Amino acid sequence: MKVKVTEQGVVIPKEFLEGVQEVEIRKENNLIVVITTIKSDPIFEMGMNPISCGVTDASEQTDVYIYGSGE
């Protein structure tokens, strides 16, 4: 797709940005890069939808369940 550069710049079609609330725009060498930014850090969403698997000490023994070692 080619678009004209106006005095205000360039318009990116809305369908390219579906669901996006914010972007970061950078110039790198001879490229203009548009990167979608994430408002919330996904690490903070961990545990939002826990499952039940019969383990009662997962929060205390996380390393055992992740790495398979209690040492």
N, C-alpha and C. Protein backbone atom coordinates (compact mmCIF):
# COMPACT_ATOMS: atom_id res chain seq x y z
N MET A 1 0.85 -1.16 0.00
CA MET A 1 0.00 0.00 0.00
C MET A 1 0.90 1.23 0.00
N LYS A 2 0.58 2.16 -0.85
CA LYS A 2 1.30 3.43 -0.88
C LYS A 2 0.34 4.53 -0.46
N VAL A 3 0.83 5.45 0.37
CA VAL A 3 0.02 6.60 0.79
C VAL A 3 0.84 7.87 0.62
N LYS A 4 0.16 8.98 0.44
CA LYS A 4 0.82 10.27 0.31
C LYS A 4 1.20 10.82 1.67
N VAL A 5 2.35 11.44 1.74
CA VAL A 5 2.79 12.13 2.95
C VAL A 5 2.29 13.56 2.84
N THR A 6 1.51 13.98 3.84
CA THR A 6 0.98 15.34 3.86
C THR A 6 1.77 16.19 4.85
N GLU A 7 1.35 17.41 5.04
CA GLU A 7 2.00 18.28 6.03
C GLU A 7 1.88 17.70 7.43
N GLN A 8 0.81 16.95 7.71
CA GLN A 8 0.60 16.33 9.02
C GLN A 8 1.31 14.99 9.15
N GLY A 9 1.70 14.37 8.05
CA GLY A 9 2.35 13.08 8.10
C GLY A 9 1.62 12.06 7.27
N VAL A 10 1.47 10.85 7.80
CA VAL A 10 0.84 9.74 7.10
C VAL A 10 -0.27 9.17 7.97
N VAL A 11 -1.35 8.76 7.34
CA VAL A 11 -2.46 8.11 8.06
C VAL A 11 -2.34 6.61 7.88
N ILE A 12 -2.36 5.87 9.00
CA ILE A 12 -2.36 4.41 8.96
C ILE A 12 -3.81 3.95 9.01
N PRO A 13 -4.22 3.11 8.06
CA PRO A 13 -5.62 2.66 8.04
C PRO A 13 -6.03 2.01 9.36
N LYS A 14 -7.23 2.33 9.83
CA LYS A 14 -7.75 1.84 11.10
C LYS A 14 -7.79 0.31 11.15
N GLU A 15 -8.05 -0.36 10.04
CA GLU A 15 -8.13 -1.82 10.06
C GLU A 15 -6.77 -2.45 10.39
N PHE A 16 -5.69 -1.73 10.19
CA PHE A 16 -4.36 -2.22 10.59
C PHE A 16 -4.19 -2.17 12.10
N LEU A 17 -5.02 -1.38 12.76
CA LEU A 17 -4.85 -1.14 14.20
C LEU A 17 -6.03 -1.65 15.02
N GLU A 18 -6.71 -2.66 14.51
CA GLU A 18 -7.88 -3.19 15.21
C GLU A 18 -7.51 -3.69 16.60
N GLY A 19 -8.18 -3.18 17.62
CA GLY A 19 -7.93 -3.59 19.00
C GLY A 19 -6.74 -2.91 19.65
N VAL A 20 -6.03 -2.07 18.92
CA VAL A 20 -4.84 -1.40 19.44
C VAL A 20 -5.23 -0.07 20.05
N GLN A 21 -4.72 0.22 21.25
CA GLN A 21 -5.03 1.47 21.92
C GLN A 21 -3.89 2.47 21.83
N GLU A 22 -2.65 1.98 21.63
CA GLU A 22 -1.50 2.86 21.61
C GLU A 22 -0.39 2.22 20.79
N VAL A 23 0.38 3.05 20.08
CA VAL A 23 1.53 2.56 19.33
C VAL A 23 2.76 3.39 19.65
N GLU A 24 3.91 2.79 19.44
CA GLU A 24 5.19 3.49 19.54
C GLU A 24 5.73 3.61 18.13
N ILE A 25 6.19 4.80 17.76
CA ILE A 25 6.72 5.03 16.43
C ILE A 25 8.19 5.39 16.56
N ARG A 26 9.03 4.65 15.82
CA ARG A 26 10.48 4.89 15.86
C ARG A 26 11.03 4.93 14.45
N LYS A 27 12.11 5.65 14.30
CA LYS A 27 12.84 5.65 13.04
C LYS A 27 14.15 4.91 13.27
N GLU A 28 14.34 3.81 12.54
CA GLU A 28 15.53 2.98 12.67
C GLU A 28 16.18 2.87 11.30
N ASN A 29 17.36 3.45 11.17
CA ASN A 29 18.07 3.50 9.89
C ASN A 29 17.15 4.10 8.83
N ASN A 30 16.77 3.34 7.84
CA ASN A 30 15.93 3.86 6.77
C ASN A 30 14.49 3.36 6.89
N LEU A 31 14.11 2.89 8.08
CA LEU A 31 12.77 2.35 8.29
C LEU A 31 12.01 3.16 9.33
N ILE A 32 10.72 3.28 9.14
CA ILE A 32 9.84 3.82 10.17
C ILE A 32 9.08 2.64 10.73
N VAL A 33 9.23 2.40 12.03
CA VAL A 33 8.67 1.22 12.67
C VAL A 33 7.52 1.64 13.58
N VAL A 34 6.37 0.99 13.42
CA VAL A 34 5.20 1.23 14.27
C VAL A 34 5.00 -0.03 15.09
N ILE A 35 5.10 0.11 16.42
CA ILE A 35 5.01 -1.04 17.32
C ILE A 35 3.81 -0.84 18.24
N THR A 36 2.94 -1.84 18.30
CA THR A 36 1.82 -1.75 19.23
C THR A 36 2.35 -1.92 20.64
N THR A 37 1.85 -1.12 21.55
CA THR A 37 2.28 -1.21 22.94
C THR A 37 1.19 -1.87 23.76
N ILE A 38 1.62 -2.53 24.82
CA ILE A 38 0.69 -3.22 25.71
C ILE A 38 0.50 -2.37 26.95
N LYS A 39 -0.75 -2.01 27.22
CA LYS A 39 -1.04 -1.19 28.39
C LYS A 39 -0.79 -1.93 29.69
N SER A 40 -1.15 -3.21 29.73
CA SER A 40 -0.97 -3.97 30.96
C SER A 40 0.12 -5.02 30.74
N ASP A 41 0.89 -5.25 31.75
CA ASP A 41 1.95 -6.23 31.70
C ASP A 41 1.35 -7.62 31.87
N PRO A 42 1.53 -8.54 30.92
CA PRO A 42 0.92 -9.86 31.02
C PRO A 42 1.34 -10.64 32.27
N ILE A 43 2.49 -10.32 32.83
CA ILE A 43 2.94 -11.04 34.03
C ILE A 43 1.98 -10.81 35.19
N PHE A 44 1.33 -9.63 35.21
CA PHE A 44 0.38 -9.34 36.27
C PHE A 44 -0.94 -10.08 36.09
N GLU A 45 -1.16 -10.65 34.92
CA GLU A 45 -2.39 -11.40 34.67
C GLU A 45 -2.25 -12.88 35.02
N MET A 46 -1.04 -13.29 35.39
CA MET A 46 -0.86 -14.69 35.78
C MET A 46 -1.70 -14.99 37.01
N GLY A 47 -2.34 -16.10 37.01
CA GLY A 47 -3.15 -16.50 38.14
C GLY A 47 -4.57 -15.95 38.10
N MET A 48 -4.92 -15.22 37.07
CA MET A 48 -6.27 -14.65 36.98
C MET A 48 -7.32 -15.74 36.75
N ASN A 49 -6.93 -16.79 36.07
CA ASN A 49 -7.85 -17.90 35.78
C ASN A 49 -7.21 -19.21 36.22
N PRO A 50 -7.08 -19.42 37.52
CA PRO A 50 -6.40 -20.63 37.99
C PRO A 50 -7.22 -21.89 37.69
N ILE A 51 -6.51 -23.00 37.62
CA ILE A 51 -7.18 -24.28 37.44
C ILE A 51 -6.96 -25.12 38.69
N SER A 52 -7.79 -26.10 38.87
CA SER A 52 -7.65 -27.01 40.00
C SER A 52 -7.01 -28.30 39.48
N CYS A 53 -5.88 -28.68 40.10
CA CYS A 53 -5.20 -29.90 39.65
C CYS A 53 -4.87 -30.83 40.82
N GLY A 54 -5.42 -30.54 41.99
CA GLY A 54 -5.21 -31.42 43.12
C GLY A 54 -3.92 -31.18 43.89
N VAL A 55 -3.16 -30.18 43.51
CA VAL A 55 -1.91 -29.85 44.20
C VAL A 55 -2.23 -28.80 45.25
N THR A 56 -1.85 -29.07 46.48
CA THR A 56 -2.20 -28.14 47.57
C THR A 56 -1.06 -27.23 47.99
N ASP A 57 0.17 -27.51 47.51
CA ASP A 57 1.31 -26.70 47.95
C ASP A 57 2.07 -26.04 46.79
N ALA A 58 1.40 -25.76 45.70
CA ALA A 58 2.06 -25.21 44.51
C ALA A 58 2.69 -23.85 44.79
N SER A 59 2.08 -23.02 45.60
CA SER A 59 2.66 -21.70 45.86
C SER A 59 3.93 -21.80 46.71
N GLU A 60 4.02 -22.80 47.58
CA GLU A 60 5.22 -22.97 48.41
C GLU A 60 6.30 -23.76 47.69
N GLN A 61 5.92 -24.65 46.80
CA GLN A 61 6.87 -25.56 46.14
C GLN A 61 6.92 -25.31 44.63
N THR A 62 6.85 -24.06 44.23
CA THR A 62 6.82 -23.72 42.81
C THR A 62 7.97 -24.34 42.04
N ASP A 63 9.20 -24.22 42.55
CA ASP A 63 10.37 -24.75 41.85
C ASP A 63 10.28 -26.25 41.62
N VAL A 64 9.74 -26.97 42.59
CA VAL A 64 9.60 -28.42 42.45
C VAL A 64 8.70 -28.74 41.26
N TYR A 65 7.59 -28.01 41.13
CA TYR A 65 6.65 -28.29 40.06
C TYR A 65 7.12 -27.76 38.70
N ILE A 66 7.89 -26.68 38.69
CA ILE A 66 8.39 -26.13 37.43
C ILE A 66 9.62 -26.90 36.95
N TYR A 67 10.59 -27.08 37.85
CA TYR A 67 11.88 -27.66 37.44
C TYR A 67 12.03 -29.14 37.82
N GLY A 68 11.12 -29.66 38.61
CA GLY A 68 11.18 -31.07 38.97
C GLY A 68 12.22 -31.43 40.00
N SER A 69 12.67 -30.42 40.75
CA SER A 69 13.70 -30.70 41.76
C SER A 69 13.39 -29.91 43.02
N GLY A 70 13.51 -30.54 44.15
CA GLY A 70 13.28 -29.87 45.43
C GLY A 70 14.55 -29.33 46.04
N GLU A 71 15.64 -29.39 45.31
CA GLU A 71 16.93 -28.97 45.87
C GLU A 71 17.27 -27.56 45.50
